[in-house]
Protein backbone atom coordinates (compact mmCIF):
# COMPACT_ATOMS: atom_id res chain seq x y z
CA MET A 1 90.14 459.35 15.30
CA ASP A 2 86.42 459.68 14.63
CA LEU A 3 84.12 458.14 17.50
CA THR A 4 80.65 456.69 16.94
CA PRO A 5 77.66 457.38 19.46
CA LEU A 6 76.41 453.88 19.91
CA PRO A 7 79.09 452.42 22.23
CA PHE A 8 78.67 455.50 24.29
CA ALA A 9 74.85 455.17 24.39
CA ILE A 10 75.22 451.60 25.50
CA ALA A 11 77.52 452.56 28.31
CA ALA A 12 75.26 455.57 29.37
CA ALA A 13 72.12 453.03 29.24
CA ALA A 14 74.13 450.66 31.64
CA GLY A 15 73.79 453.44 34.17
CA ASN A 16 69.96 453.00 34.39
CA VAL A 17 70.52 449.35 35.17
CA LEU A 18 73.01 449.69 37.86
CA GLY A 19 71.12 452.44 39.53
CA ALA A 20 67.74 450.15 39.69
CA ALA A 21 69.90 447.24 40.97
CA ALA A 22 71.33 449.63 43.85
CA VAL A 23 67.77 450.14 44.94
CA VAL A 24 66.70 446.43 44.64
CA ARG A 25 69.72 445.38 46.61
CA GLY A 26 69.22 447.98 49.23
CA ALA A 27 72.75 449.38 48.71
CA ARG A 28 72.55 451.94 51.25
CA ARG A 29 76.17 453.31 50.76
CA GLY A 30 75.85 453.24 46.99
CA LEU A 31 72.65 455.00 47.16
CA ALA A 32 74.16 457.75 49.20
CA ALA A 33 77.05 458.04 46.64
CA ILE A 34 74.60 458.22 44.03
CA GLN A 35 72.72 461.32 45.45
CA VAL A 36 76.30 463.08 45.65
CA LEU A 37 76.41 462.11 41.86
CA LEU A 38 73.16 463.86 41.34
CA ALA A 39 74.42 466.83 42.67
CA PHE A 40 77.45 466.57 40.51
CA GLY A 41 75.51 465.80 37.29
CA ALA A 42 73.35 468.79 37.86
CA GLY A 43 76.17 471.14 37.95
CA PHE A 44 77.87 469.43 35.04
CA MET A 45 74.44 469.25 32.99
CA LEU A 46 73.81 472.83 33.70
CA ALA A 47 77.17 473.93 32.66
CA LEU A 48 76.99 471.86 29.32
CA VAL A 49 73.70 473.20 28.11
CA LEU A 50 74.43 476.81 28.83
CA THR A 51 77.99 477.09 27.76
CA GLY A 52 78.24 474.24 25.34
CA VAL A 53 75.09 473.04 23.72
CA LEU A 54 72.97 476.33 23.34
CA PRO A 55 75.85 477.99 21.60
CA ALA A 56 76.20 475.21 19.24
CA VAL A 57 72.60 474.99 18.41
CA PHE A 58 72.39 478.69 17.47
CA ARG A 59 75.79 478.46 15.73
CA GLU A 60 74.55 475.40 13.52
CA ALA A 61 71.29 477.24 12.73
CA PRO A 62 71.15 478.51 9.00
CA PRO A 63 71.00 482.32 8.59
CA GLY A 64 67.65 483.54 9.87
CA GLY A 65 66.84 480.22 11.42
CA GLU A 66 67.82 481.16 15.07
CA GLY A 67 64.02 481.62 15.79
CA PRO A 68 62.92 478.07 14.88
CA ALA A 69 66.06 476.87 16.72
CA GLY A 70 64.83 478.70 19.85
CA LEU A 71 61.37 477.16 19.35
CA LEU A 72 62.81 473.67 19.13
CA VAL A 73 64.83 474.15 22.53
CA LEU A 74 61.53 475.37 24.13
CA SER A 75 59.76 472.55 22.54
CA GLY A 76 62.01 470.02 24.06
CA TYR A 77 61.66 471.66 27.53
CA LEU A 78 57.95 471.92 27.25
CA LEU A 79 57.60 468.23 26.20
CA VAL A 80 59.38 466.89 29.26
CA HIS A 81 57.58 469.21 31.53
CA VAL A 82 53.91 468.28 30.22
CA THR A 83 55.05 464.69 30.35
CA GLN A 84 56.28 464.69 33.68
CA HIS A 85 53.39 466.45 35.01
CA THR A 86 50.65 464.10 33.44
CA LEU A 87 52.42 460.77 33.25
CA THR A 88 54.64 460.85 36.21
CA PRO A 89 52.84 463.07 39.08
CA HIS A 90 54.82 461.22 41.87
CA PHE A 91 58.16 461.22 39.92
CA HIS A 92 61.23 463.16 41.58
CA PHE A 93 64.73 462.18 41.12
CA GLY A 94 66.11 460.22 44.09
CA GLU A 95 64.88 457.21 45.99
CA GLU A 96 60.90 457.04 46.47
CA THR A 97 60.28 455.92 49.98
CA HIS A 98 56.47 456.54 50.31
CA GLU A 99 53.94 453.96 48.91
CA VAL A 100 52.31 455.26 45.92
CA PRO A 101 49.57 453.73 43.53
CA ARG A 102 50.53 451.03 41.14
CA SER A 103 49.86 453.14 38.18
CA ALA A 104 52.59 455.57 39.50
CA GLY A 105 55.07 452.80 38.46
CA TYR A 106 53.99 452.46 35.00
CA GLY A 107 53.62 456.28 34.67
CA ALA A 108 57.33 456.79 35.95
CA LEU A 109 58.45 454.27 33.29
CA ALA A 110 56.28 455.95 30.42
CA GLY A 111 57.34 459.45 31.45
CA LEU A 112 61.06 458.73 31.98
CA GLY A 113 61.13 456.63 28.77
CA LEU A 114 60.69 459.85 26.86
CA HIS A 115 63.38 461.29 28.61
CA ALA A 116 65.54 458.41 28.07
CA PHE A 117 64.87 458.38 24.47
CA PHE A 118 66.09 462.09 24.21
CA ASP A 119 69.28 461.00 26.34
CA GLY A 120 70.21 458.86 23.23
CA VAL A 121 69.46 461.57 20.77
CA ALA A 122 71.50 464.01 22.79
CA VAL A 123 74.55 461.83 22.62
CA ALA A 124 74.06 461.04 18.99
CA SER A 125 73.31 464.75 18.16
CA GLY A 126 76.56 465.75 20.13
CA PHE A 127 78.59 463.60 17.88
CA LEU A 128 77.02 465.03 14.65
CA VAL A 129 78.71 468.27 15.75
CA SER A 130 81.92 467.17 17.16
CA SER A 131 83.48 464.20 18.76
CA SER A 132 84.36 466.33 21.79
CA LEU A 133 80.76 467.56 22.26
CA GLY A 134 79.48 464.04 21.80
CA VAL A 135 81.87 462.88 24.74
CA LEU A 136 80.75 465.76 26.88
CA PHE A 137 77.10 465.04 26.37
CA PHE A 138 77.77 461.39 27.00
CA LEU A 139 79.42 462.36 30.38
CA ALA A 140 76.48 464.60 31.26
CA ILE A 141 74.01 461.74 30.58
CA LEU A 142 76.11 459.16 32.36
CA VAL A 143 76.17 461.22 35.56
CA HIS A 144 72.52 461.42 35.81
CA LYS A 145 71.79 457.79 34.39
CA LEU A 146 72.48 456.35 37.96
CA PRO A 147 69.88 458.57 39.70
CA GLU A 148 67.45 458.25 37.06
CA GLY A 149 67.66 454.27 37.62
CA VAL A 150 67.39 454.83 41.28
CA SER A 151 64.27 456.78 40.56
CA VAL A 152 62.37 454.51 38.40
CA ALA A 153 63.12 451.39 40.32
CA SER A 154 62.10 452.88 43.61
CA VAL A 155 58.83 454.23 42.19
CA VAL A 156 58.07 450.75 40.99
CA LEU A 157 58.92 449.13 44.22
CA ALA A 158 56.76 451.57 46.05
CA SER A 159 53.84 451.01 43.63
CA GLY A 160 54.15 447.13 44.72
CA LEU A 161 55.23 445.82 41.32
CA GLY A 162 58.20 443.86 42.75
CA ARG A 163 61.97 443.59 42.53
CA THR A 164 61.96 442.02 39.12
CA ARG A 165 59.85 444.67 37.54
CA ALA A 166 62.02 447.40 39.20
CA ILE A 167 65.15 445.91 37.47
CA GLN A 168 63.09 445.40 34.08
CA ALA A 169 62.25 449.19 34.42
CA GLY A 170 65.81 450.26 34.51
CA VAL A 171 66.57 447.81 31.51
CA VAL A 172 63.75 449.43 29.35
CA LEU A 173 65.06 452.98 30.03
CA GLY A 174 68.59 451.62 28.80
CA VAL A 175 67.26 450.38 25.78
CA THR A 176 65.29 453.13 25.14
CA THR A 177 68.24 455.46 25.33
CA ILE A 178 69.99 453.12 22.87
CA VAL A 179 67.06 453.39 20.37
CA GLY A 180 67.07 457.16 20.76
CA ALA A 181 70.69 457.10 19.51
CA LEU A 182 69.93 454.67 16.55
CA PHE A 183 66.94 456.75 15.54
CA THR A 184 69.05 459.86 15.50
CA GLY A 185 71.40 458.56 12.96
CA ALA A 186 68.53 456.93 10.68
CA ILE A 187 66.05 459.78 10.79
CA ALA A 188 67.23 463.04 8.81
CA ALA A 189 64.71 465.20 10.84
CA LEU A 190 66.02 463.93 14.09
CA ALA A 191 69.66 464.22 12.91
CA ARG A 192 68.78 468.01 11.83
CA HIS A 193 66.94 469.02 14.94
CA GLY A 194 67.69 466.63 17.45
CA LEU A 195 70.50 468.71 19.16
CA ALA A 196 68.07 471.70 19.84
CA LEU A 197 65.40 469.29 21.14
CA ALA A 198 68.07 467.77 23.44
CA ALA A 199 69.16 470.91 24.50
CA GLY A 200 65.66 471.79 25.68
CA VAL A 201 65.35 468.30 27.38
CA THR A 202 68.72 468.54 29.07
CA LEU A 203 67.83 472.14 30.47
CA TYR A 204 64.78 470.76 31.88
CA VAL A 205 66.55 467.77 33.52
CA ALA A 206 69.13 470.03 34.96
CA ALA A 207 67.36 473.03 36.04
CA SER A 208 64.00 471.65 37.03
CA ASN A 209 64.74 468.10 37.95
CA LEU A 210 68.04 468.04 39.38
CA VAL A 211 68.65 471.59 40.74
CA PRO A 212 65.59 471.40 43.04
CA GLU A 213 66.73 467.92 44.34
CA VAL A 214 70.21 469.66 45.16
CA GLN A 215 68.38 472.54 46.91
CA ALA A 216 66.48 470.26 49.21
CA ARG A 217 69.50 468.56 50.43
CA ARG A 218 71.62 471.06 52.78
CA GLY A 219 75.23 470.35 53.52
CA ALA A 220 78.75 471.28 52.13
CA ARG A 221 79.21 468.00 50.52
CA VAL A 222 76.22 468.43 48.24
CA THR A 223 77.20 471.92 47.41
CA ALA A 224 80.73 471.15 46.70
CA ALA A 225 79.38 468.35 44.40
CA PHE A 226 77.21 470.69 42.53
CA LEU A 227 79.87 473.35 41.98
CA GLY A 228 82.47 470.67 41.20
CA GLY A 229 80.39 469.18 38.45
CA ALA A 230 80.13 472.81 36.72
CA LEU A 231 83.86 473.22 37.20
CA ALA A 232 84.61 469.93 35.89
CA PHE A 233 82.72 470.45 32.55
CA LEU A 234 84.47 473.93 32.27
CA LEU A 235 87.89 472.18 32.60
CA LEU A 236 87.01 469.42 30.37
CA ARG A 237 85.93 471.93 27.52
CA ILE A 238 89.14 474.05 28.11
CA ALA A 239 91.12 470.87 27.66
CA GLY A 240 89.01 469.88 24.45
CA PRO A 241 86.58 472.59 23.15
CA ALA A 242 83.23 471.40 22.37
CA ALA A 243 83.41 472.74 18.87
CA GLY A 244 86.50 470.94 18.01
């Protein structure tokens, strides 16, 4: 049965809202569980991009097109790096507990908006290759959408913009994710190059955003969650190969 990416993008987008709601409501137990999920997501995403997405990117490249494909992966990586270090200097995955300037709340939303857009591109691009890769991409996006919602809402609260704006920030990220999925199906260039760009974005999120957060949190539970995420991806791929 052929699957379409839009319902999966909508489900992933809901994670942003749920994460934002956990911050606004002060759900401490939920936030603690989300931190473990962050570690799991880091392992899952890293395994996905290194063993599932990058091979697909270079396999789908036309003969002689491996170089441009690599440049697109690099461009996706650098795009997120530059955005996060200019628009979101206070950003990190996880709850922001220190007061920050009001501009930081808007900056976090703008920077994460680009990231959320490519979350949608990633899901839709995965489905263009195969349903199984699309589902795996969806799972990878989903497990970091909750921490992403926590991050943006907590920065908005710490900047003094209030609870309503914090929830709205989660909604905006979710909607932007859905827009990314829709644009991938509607714009030929994005459909053709979206997987390579999404690979670079996903690699940055996994290796440069999530892994440092995992390393900053000591304890067997976090390490087990990180390794469990990588193992879970490998088991899912064995059960349904990403190229199938």
